[in-house]
Amino acid sequence: MQQAGIESKPQERTREGTAAGLDMDALVDAFRRRDPKAICASYLQLTKLRFRISELRRVRGILVFYMEDPDGNVWLITE
């Protein structure tokens, strides 16, 4: 998984609902496998941490999505 962001700092965070329960790899893997149930389960876990997918699209055949964390930081995630 590649991730780039405008300002992504979730690993530095220690309060409840941040890095401790963060599993972006599960979400990316679910998208790669095109497994709707796994996508839903992974995304629901992230929404508990107040993350949301702000945009999802294909760019030159590659799945690209943007996630926003509770602090407003945006993460670009690609396959």
PDB file of N, CA and C in Angstrom:
ATOM      1  N   MET A   1       0.852  -1.176   0.000  1.00  0.00           N
ATOM      2  CA  MET A   1       0.000   0.000   0.000  1.00  0.00           C
ATOM      3  C   MET A   1       0.889   1.226   0.000  1.00  0.00           C
ATOM      4  N   GLN A   2       0.566   2.163  -0.854  1.00  0.00           N
ATOM      5  CA  GLN A   2       1.246   3.446  -0.852  1.00  0.00           C
ATOM      6  C   GLN A   2       0.314   4.442  -0.214  1.00  0.00           C
ATOM      7  N   GLN A   3       0.862   5.294   0.556  1.00  0.00           N
ATOM      8  CA  GLN A   3       0.016   6.361   1.061  1.00  0.00           C
ATOM      9  C   GLN A   3       0.790   7.653   1.041  1.00  0.00           C
ATOM     10  N   ALA A   4       0.106   8.676   0.640  1.00  0.00           N
ATOM     11  CA  ALA A   4       0.683  10.001   0.627  1.00  0.00           C
ATOM     12  C   ALA A   4      -0.413  10.916   1.111  1.00  0.00           C
ATOM     13  N   GLY A   5      -0.054  11.968   1.704  1.00  0.00           N
ATOM     14  CA  GLY A   5      -1.110  12.834   2.190  1.00  0.00           C
ATOM     15  C   GLY A   5      -0.655  14.266   2.278  1.00  0.00           C
ATOM     16  N   ILE A   6      -1.605  15.113   2.383  1.00  0.00           N
ATOM     17  CA  ILE A   6      -1.307  16.514   2.577  1.00  0.00           C
ATOM     18  C   ILE A   6      -0.613  16.664   3.921  1.00  0.00           C
ATOM     19  N   GLU A   7      -1.201  16.112   4.944  1.00  0.00           N
ATOM     20  CA  GLU A   7      -0.593  16.044   6.266  1.00  0.00           C
ATOM     21  C   GLU A   7      -1.150  14.797   6.917  1.00  0.00           C
ATOM     22  N   SER A   8      -0.417  13.722   6.911  1.00  0.00           N
ATOM     23  CA  SER A   8      -0.931  12.517   7.547  1.00  0.00           C
ATOM     24  C   SER A   8      -0.046  12.188   8.738  1.00  0.00           C
ATOM     25  N   LYS A   9      -0.629  12.219   9.921  1.00  0.00           N
ATOM     26  CA  LYS A   9       0.141  11.965  11.131  1.00  0.00           C
ATOM     27  C   LYS A   9      -0.560  11.016  12.088  1.00  0.00           C
ATOM     28  N   PRO A  10      -1.364  10.071  11.634  1.00  0.00           N
ATOM     29  CA  PRO A  10      -2.076   9.242  12.600  1.00  0.00           C
ATOM     30  C   PRO A  10      -1.173   8.382  13.469  1.00  0.00           C
ATOM     31  N   GLN A  11       0.013   7.991  12.987  1.00  0.00           N
ATOM     32  CA  GLN A  11       0.896   7.162  13.803  1.00  0.00           C
ATOM     33  C   GLN A  11       1.412   7.914  15.031  1.00  0.00           C
ATOM     34  N   GLU A  12       1.430   9.232  14.984  1.00  0.00           N
ATOM     35  CA  GLU A  12       1.908  10.022  16.107  1.00  0.00           C
ATOM     36  C   GLU A  12       0.856  10.177  17.193  1.00  0.00           C
ATOM     37  N   ARG A  13      -0.368   9.836  16.916  1.00  0.00           N
ATOM     38  CA  ARG A  13      -1.469  10.116  17.822  1.00  0.00           C
ATOM     39  C   ARG A  13      -1.596   9.005  18.852  1.00  0.00           C
ATOM     40  N   THR A  14      -2.013   9.363  20.045  1.00  0.00           N
ATOM     41  CA  THR A  14      -2.123   8.369  21.103  1.00  0.00           C
ATOM     42  C   THR A  14      -3.489   8.323  21.755  1.00  0.00           C
ATOM     43  N   ARG A  15      -4.321   9.312  21.556  1.00  0.00           N
ATOM     44  CA  ARG A  15      -5.611   9.289  22.233  1.00  0.00           C
ATOM     45  C   ARG A  15      -6.537   8.244  21.606  1.00  0.00           C
ATOM     46  N   GLU A  16      -7.603   7.917  22.314  1.00  0.00           N
ATOM     47  CA  GLU A  16      -8.535   6.887  21.865  1.00  0.00           C
ATOM     48  C   GLU A  16      -9.075   7.215  20.485  1.00  0.00           C
ATOM     49  N   GLY A  17      -9.246   6.166  19.650  1.00  0.00           N
ATOM     50  CA  GLY A  17      -9.850   6.343  18.346  1.00  0.00           C
ATOM     51  C   GLY A  17      -8.893   6.772  17.263  1.00  0.00           C
ATOM     52  N   THR A  18      -7.600   6.556  17.455  1.00  0.00           N
ATOM     53  CA  THR A  18      -6.687   6.918  16.387  1.00  0.00           C
ATOM     54  C   THR A  18      -5.816   5.729  16.041  1.00  0.00           C
ATOM     55  N   ALA A  19      -4.523   5.860  16.039  1.00  0.00           N
ATOM     56  CA  ALA A  19      -3.613   4.863  15.486  1.00  0.00           C
ATOM     57  C   ALA A  19      -3.801   3.463  16.061  1.00  0.00           C
ATOM     58  N   ALA A  20      -4.214   3.334  17.293  1.00  0.00           N
ATOM     59  CA  ALA A  20      -4.338   2.024  17.919  1.00  0.00           C
ATOM     60  C   ALA A  20      -5.254   1.087  17.152  1.00  0.00           C
ATOM     61  N   GLY A  21      -6.355   1.582  16.597  1.00  0.00           N
ATOM     62  CA  GLY A  21      -7.285   0.724  15.885  1.00  0.00           C
ATOM     63  C   GLY A  21      -7.249   0.894  14.376  1.00  0.00           C
ATOM     64  N   LEU A  22      -6.272   1.615  13.866  1.00  0.00           N
ATOM     65  CA  LEU A  22      -6.196   1.948  12.452  1.00  0.00           C
ATOM     66  C   LEU A  22      -5.658   0.769  11.643  1.00  0.00           C
ATOM     67  N   ASP A  23      -6.465   0.267  10.686  1.00  0.00           N
ATOM     68  CA  ASP A  23      -6.025  -0.836   9.830  1.00  0.00           C
ATOM     69  C   ASP A  23      -6.379  -0.526   8.389  1.00  0.00           C
ATOM     70  N   MET A  24      -5.599   0.350   7.779  1.00  0.00           N
ATOM     71  CA  MET A  24      -5.831   0.731   6.395  1.00  0.00           C
ATOM     72  C   MET A  24      -5.507  -0.414   5.447  1.00  0.00           C
ATOM     73  N   ASP A  25      -4.537  -1.264   5.836  1.00  0.00           N
ATOM     74  CA  ASP A  25      -4.167  -2.383   4.975  1.00  0.00           C
ATOM     75  C   ASP A  25      -5.346  -3.306   4.708  1.00  0.00           C
ATOM     76  N   ALA A  26      -6.185  -3.532   5.706  1.00  0.00           N
ATOM     77  CA  ALA A  26      -7.349  -4.395   5.522  1.00  0.00           C
ATOM     78  C   ALA A  26      -8.302  -3.804   4.491  1.00  0.00           C
ATOM     79  N   LEU A  27      -8.487  -2.497   4.516  1.00  0.00           N
ATOM     80  CA  LEU A  27      -9.374  -1.847   3.553  1.00  0.00           C
ATOM     81  C   LEU A  27      -8.793  -1.938   2.144  1.00  0.00           C
ATOM     82  N   VAL A  28      -7.517  -1.638   2.001  1.00  0.00           N
ATOM     83  CA  VAL A  28      -6.879  -1.692   0.684  1.00  0.00           C
ATOM     84  C   VAL A  28      -6.914  -3.117   0.142  1.00  0.00           C
ATOM     85  N   ASP A  29      -6.621  -4.086   0.992  1.00  0.00           N
ATOM     86  CA  ASP A  29      -6.656  -5.486   0.572  1.00  0.00           C
ATOM     87  C   ASP A  29      -8.063  -5.886   0.114  1.00  0.00           C
ATOM     88  N   ALA A  30      -9.062  -5.438   0.830  1.00  0.00           N
ATOM     89  CA  ALA A  30     -10.449  -5.742   0.460  1.00  0.00           C
ATOM     90  C   ALA A  30     -10.787  -5.170  -0.916  1.00  0.00           C
ATOM     91  N   PHE A  31     -10.317  -3.941  -1.195  1.00  0.00           N
ATOM     92  CA  PHE A  31     -10.541  -3.358  -2.519  1.00  0.00           C
ATOM     93  C   PHE A  31      -9.807  -4.154  -3.590  1.00  0.00           C
ATOM     94  N   ARG A  32      -8.585  -4.541  -3.313  1.00  0.00           N
ATOM     95  CA  ARG A  32      -7.820  -5.321  -4.297  1.00  0.00           C
ATOM     96  C   ARG A  32      -8.501  -6.636  -4.619  1.00  0.00           C
ATOM     97  N   ARG A  33      -9.062  -7.271  -3.603  1.00  0.00           N
ATOM     98  CA  ARG A  33      -9.747  -8.554  -3.808  1.00  0.00           C
ATOM     99  C   ARG A  33     -11.154  -8.373  -4.357  1.00  0.00           C
ATOM    100  N   ARG A  34     -11.606  -7.117  -4.410  1.00  0.00           N
ATOM    101  CA  ARG A  34     -12.972  -6.797  -4.853  1.00  0.00           C
ATOM    102  C   ARG A  34     -13.997  -7.583  -4.046  1.00  0.00           C
ATOM    103  N   ASP A  35     -13.786  -7.551  -2.742  1.00  0.00           N
ATOM    104  CA  ASP A  35     -14.634  -8.284  -1.794  1.00  0.00           C
ATOM    105  C   ASP A  35     -15.555  -7.289  -1.083  1.00  0.00           C
ATOM    106  N   PRO A  36     -16.801  -7.168  -1.528  1.00  0.00           N
ATOM    107  CA  PRO A  36     -17.700  -6.163  -0.959  1.00  0.00           C
ATOM    108  C   PRO A  36     -17.911  -6.298   0.547  1.00  0.00           C
ATOM    109  N   LYS A  37     -18.012  -7.520   1.046  1.00  0.00           N
ATOM    110  CA  LYS A  37     -18.219  -7.703   2.493  1.00  0.00           C
ATOM    111  C   LYS A  37     -17.000  -7.236   3.278  1.00  0.00           C
ATOM    112  N   ALA A  38     -15.811  -7.557   2.786  1.00  0.00           N
ATOM    113  CA  ALA A  38     -14.583  -7.133   3.470  1.00  0.00           C
ATOM    114  C   ALA A  38     -14.411  -5.615   3.383  1.00  0.00           C
ATOM    115  N   ILE A  39     -14.775  -5.018   2.248  1.00  0.00           N
ATOM    116  CA  ILE A  39     -14.707  -3.555   2.096  1.00  0.00           C
ATOM    117  C   ILE A  39     -15.608  -2.905   3.137  1.00  0.00           C
ATOM    118  N   CYS A  40     -16.818  -3.409   3.228  1.00  0.00           N
ATOM    119  CA  CYS A  40     -17.786  -2.854   4.178  1.00  0.00           C
ATOM    120  C   CYS A  40     -17.286  -3.000   5.617  1.00  0.00           C
ATOM    121  N   ALA A  41     -16.817  -4.191   5.981  1.00  0.00           N
ATOM    122  CA  ALA A  41     -16.341  -4.439   7.345  1.00  0.00           C
ATOM    123  C   ALA A  41     -15.150  -3.538   7.692  1.00  0.00           C
ATOM    124  N   SER A  42     -14.208  -3.412   6.766  1.00  0.00           N
ATOM    125  CA  SER A  42     -13.025  -2.576   7.006  1.00  0.00           C
ATOM    126  C   SER A  42     -13.404  -1.110   7.132  1.00  0.00           C
ATOM    127  N   TYR A  43     -14.277  -0.674   6.233  1.00  0.00           N
ATOM    128  CA  TYR A  43     -14.685   0.727   6.269  1.00  0.00           C
ATOM    129  C   TYR A  43     -15.465   1.042   7.535  1.00  0.00           C
ATOM    130  N   LEU A  44     -16.317   0.130   7.962  1.00  0.00           N
ATOM    131  CA  LEU A  44     -17.069   0.356   9.205  1.00  0.00           C
ATOM    132  C   LEU A  44     -16.131   0.488  10.402  1.00  0.00           C
ATOM    133  N   GLN A  45     -15.050  -0.288  10.420  1.00  0.00           N
ATOM    134  CA  GLN A  45     -14.061  -0.158  11.501  1.00  0.00           C
ATOM    135  C   GLN A  45     -13.426   1.239  11.473  1.00  0.00           C
ATOM    136  N   LEU A  46     -13.102   1.720  10.278  1.00  0.00           N
ATOM    137  CA  LEU A  46     -12.498   3.050  10.177  1.00  0.00           C
ATOM    138  C   LEU A  46     -13.478   4.153  10.543  1.00  0.00           C
ATOM    139  N   THR A  47     -14.759   3.967  10.232  1.00  0.00           N
ATOM    140  CA  THR A  47     -15.732   5.008  10.594  1.00  0.00           C
ATOM    141  C   THR A  47     -15.882   5.114  12.103  1.00  0.00           C
ATOM    142  N   LYS A  48     -15.633   4.031  12.817  1.00  0.00           N
ATOM    143  CA  LYS A  48     -15.660   4.105  14.288  1.00  0.00           C
ATOM    144  C   LYS A  48     -14.563   5.025  14.803  1.00  0.00           C
ATOM    145  N   LEU A  49     -13.490   5.155  14.006  1.00  0.00           N
ATOM    146  CA  LEU A  49     -12.388   6.046  14.361  1.00  0.00           C
ATOM    147  C   LEU A  49     -12.577   7.437  13.750  1.00  0.00           C
ATOM    148  N   ARG A  50     -13.763   7.628  13.120  1.00  0.00           N
ATOM    149  CA  ARG A  50     -14.139   8.897  12.500  1.00  0.00           C
ATOM    150  C   ARG A  50     -13.331   9.202  11.244  1.00  0.00           C
ATOM    151  N   PHE A  51     -12.920   8.163  10.519  1.00  0.00           N
ATOM    152  CA  PHE A  51     -12.322   8.314   9.202  1.00  0.00           C
ATOM    153  C   PHE A  51     -13.448   8.192   8.183  1.00  0.00           C
ATOM    154  N   ARG A  52     -13.287   8.852   7.036  1.00  0.00           N
ATOM    155  CA  ARG A  52     -14.282   8.699   5.989  1.00  0.00           C
ATOM    156  C   ARG A  52     -13.593   8.749   4.629  1.00  0.00           C
ATOM    157  N   ILE A  53     -14.170   8.033   3.682  1.00  0.00           N
ATOM    158  CA  ILE A  53     -13.686   8.111   2.310  1.00  0.00           C
ATOM    159  C   ILE A  53     -14.329   9.342   1.696  1.00  0.00           C
ATOM    160  N   SER A  54     -13.493  10.276   1.263  1.00  0.00           N
ATOM    161  CA  SER A  54     -14.040  11.511   0.704  1.00  0.00           C
ATOM    162  C   SER A  54     -14.159  11.447  -0.812  1.00  0.00           C
ATOM    163  N   GLU A  55     -13.402  10.543  -1.447  1.00  0.00           N
ATOM    164  CA  GLU A  55     -13.488  10.399  -2.899  1.00  0.00           C
ATOM    165  C   GLU A  55     -12.913   9.045  -3.288  1.00  0.00           C
ATOM    166  N   LEU A  56     -13.509   8.415  -4.296  1.00  0.00           N
ATOM    167  CA  LEU A  56     -13.071   7.113  -4.792  1.00  0.00           C
ATOM    168  C   LEU A  56     -13.180   7.148  -6.308  1.00  0.00           C
ATOM    169  N   ARG A  57     -12.085   6.775  -7.001  1.00  0.00           N
ATOM    170  CA  ARG A  57     -12.126   6.760  -8.468  1.00  0.00           C
ATOM    171  C   ARG A  57     -10.995   5.916  -9.035  1.00  0.00           C
ATOM    172  N   ARG A  58     -11.067   5.657 -10.326  1.00  0.00           N
ATOM    173  CA  ARG A  58     -10.004   4.970 -11.047  1.00  0.00           C
ATOM    174  C   ARG A  58      -9.248   6.010 -11.861  1.00  0.00           C
ATOM    175  N   VAL A  59      -7.926   5.973 -11.768  1.00  0.00           N
ATOM    176  CA  VAL A  59      -7.077   6.876 -12.531  1.00  0.00           C
ATOM    177  C   VAL A  59      -6.125   5.999 -13.328  1.00  0.00           C
ATOM    178  N   ARG A  60      -6.250   6.023 -14.641  1.00  0.00           N
ATOM    179  CA  ARG A  60      -5.438   5.190 -15.538  1.00  0.00           C
ATOM    180  C   ARG A  60      -5.452   3.728 -15.112  1.00  0.00           C
ATOM    181  N   GLY A  61      -6.615   3.227 -14.752  1.00  0.00           N
ATOM    182  CA  GLY A  61      -6.767   1.823 -14.388  1.00  0.00           C
ATOM    183  C   GLY A  61      -6.374   1.481 -12.962  1.00  0.00           C
ATOM    184  N   ILE A  62      -5.998   2.463 -12.165  1.00  0.00           N
ATOM    185  CA  ILE A  62      -5.581   2.230 -10.776  1.00  0.00           C
ATOM    186  C   ILE A  62      -6.640   2.799  -9.844  1.00  0.00           C
ATOM    187  N   LEU A  63      -7.005   2.019  -8.847  1.00  0.00           N
ATOM    188  CA  LEU A  63      -7.964   2.481  -7.855  1.00  0.00           C
ATOM    189  C   LEU A  63      -7.305   3.517  -6.956  1.00  0.00           C
ATOM    190  N   VAL A  64      -7.944   4.661  -6.830  1.00  0.00           N
ATOM    191  CA  VAL A  64      -7.439   5.761  -6.007  1.00  0.00           C
ATOM    192  C   VAL A  64      -8.566   6.210  -5.098  1.00  0.00           C
ATOM    193  N   PHE A  65      -8.262   6.322  -3.802  1.00  0.00           N
ATOM    194  CA  PHE A  65      -9.263   6.932  -2.942  1.00  0.00           C
ATOM    195  C   PHE A  65      -8.608   7.826  -1.919  1.00  0.00           C
ATOM    196  N   TYR A  66      -9.388   8.803  -1.504  1.00  0.00           N
ATOM    197  CA  TYR A  66      -8.946   9.785  -0.530  1.00  0.00           C
ATOM    198  C   TYR A  66      -9.709   9.535   0.757  1.00  0.00           C
ATOM    199  N   MET A  67      -8.983   9.482   1.849  1.00  0.00           N
ATOM    200  CA  MET A  67      -9.607   9.333   3.158  1.00  0.00           C
ATOM    201  C   MET A  67      -9.285  10.556   3.981  1.00  0.00           C
ATOM    202  N   GLU A  68     -10.231  10.931   4.797  1.00  0.00           N
ATOM    203  CA  GLU A  68     -10.044  12.079   5.676  1.00  0.00           C
ATOM    204  C   GLU A  68     -10.136  11.607   7.119  1.00  0.00           C
ATOM    205  N   ASP A  69      -9.144  11.976   7.934  1.00  0.00           N
ATOM    206  CA  ASP A  69      -9.156  11.589   9.339  1.00  0.00           C
ATOM    207  C   ASP A  69      -9.921  12.631  10.156  1.00  0.00           C
ATOM    208  N   PRO A  70     -10.121  12.360  11.444  1.00  0.00           N
ATOM    209  CA  PRO A  70     -10.910  13.286  12.277  1.00  0.00           C
ATOM    210  C   PRO A  70     -10.342  14.704  12.364  1.00  0.00           C
ATOM    211  N   ASP A  71      -9.043  14.857  12.124  1.00  0.00           N
ATOM    212  CA  ASP A  71      -8.421  16.180  12.190  1.00  0.00           C
ATOM    213  C   ASP A  71      -8.469  16.919  10.859  1.00  0.00           C
ATOM    214  N   GLY A  72      -9.039  16.278   9.829  1.00  0.00           N
ATOM    215  CA  GLY A  72      -9.124  16.909   8.525  1.00  0.00           C
ATOM    216  C   GLY A  72      -7.951  16.614   7.612  1.00  0.00           C
ATOM    217  N   ASN A  73      -7.008  15.795   8.055  1.00  0.00           N
ATOM    218  CA  ASN A  73      -5.888  15.398   7.198  1.00  0.00           C
ATOM    219  C   ASN A  73      -6.410  14.476   6.106  1.00  0.00           C
ATOM    220  N   VAL A  74      -5.924  14.649   4.874  1.00  0.00           N
ATOM    221  CA  VAL A  74      -6.377  13.847   3.750  1.00  0.00           C
ATOM    222  C   VAL A  74      -5.258  12.898   3.328  1.00  0.00           C
ATOM    223  N   TRP A  75      -5.619  11.628   3.142  1.00  0.00           N
ATOM    224  CA  TRP A  75      -4.677  10.587   2.726  1.00  0.00           C
ATOM    225  C   TRP A  75      -5.055  10.141   1.326  1.00  0.00           C
ATOM    226  N   LEU A  76      -4.108  10.090   0.427  1.00  0.00           N
ATOM    227  CA  LEU A  76      -4.306   9.521  -0.898  1.00  0.00           C
ATOM    228  C   LEU A  76      -3.828   8.084  -0.837  1.00  0.00           C
ATOM    229  N   ILE A  77      -4.701   7.151  -1.152  1.00  0.00           N
ATOM    230  CA  ILE A  77      -4.351   5.740  -1.083  1.00  0.00           C
ATOM    231  C   ILE A  77      -4.565   5.134  -2.465  1.00  0.00           C
ATOM    232  N   THR A  78      -3.557   4.413  -2.945  1.00  0.00           N
ATOM    233  CA  THR A  78      -3.637   3.763  -4.255  1.00  0.00           C
ATOM    234  C   THR A  78      -3.263   2.300  -4.110  1.00  0.00           C
ATOM    235  N   GLU A  79      -3.629   1.495  -5.141  1.00  0.00           N
ATOM    236  CA  GLU A  79      -3.236   0.095  -5.113  1.00  0.00           C
ATOM    237  C   GLU A  79      -1.765  -0.044  -5.383  1.00  0.00           C
TER     238      GLU A  79
END
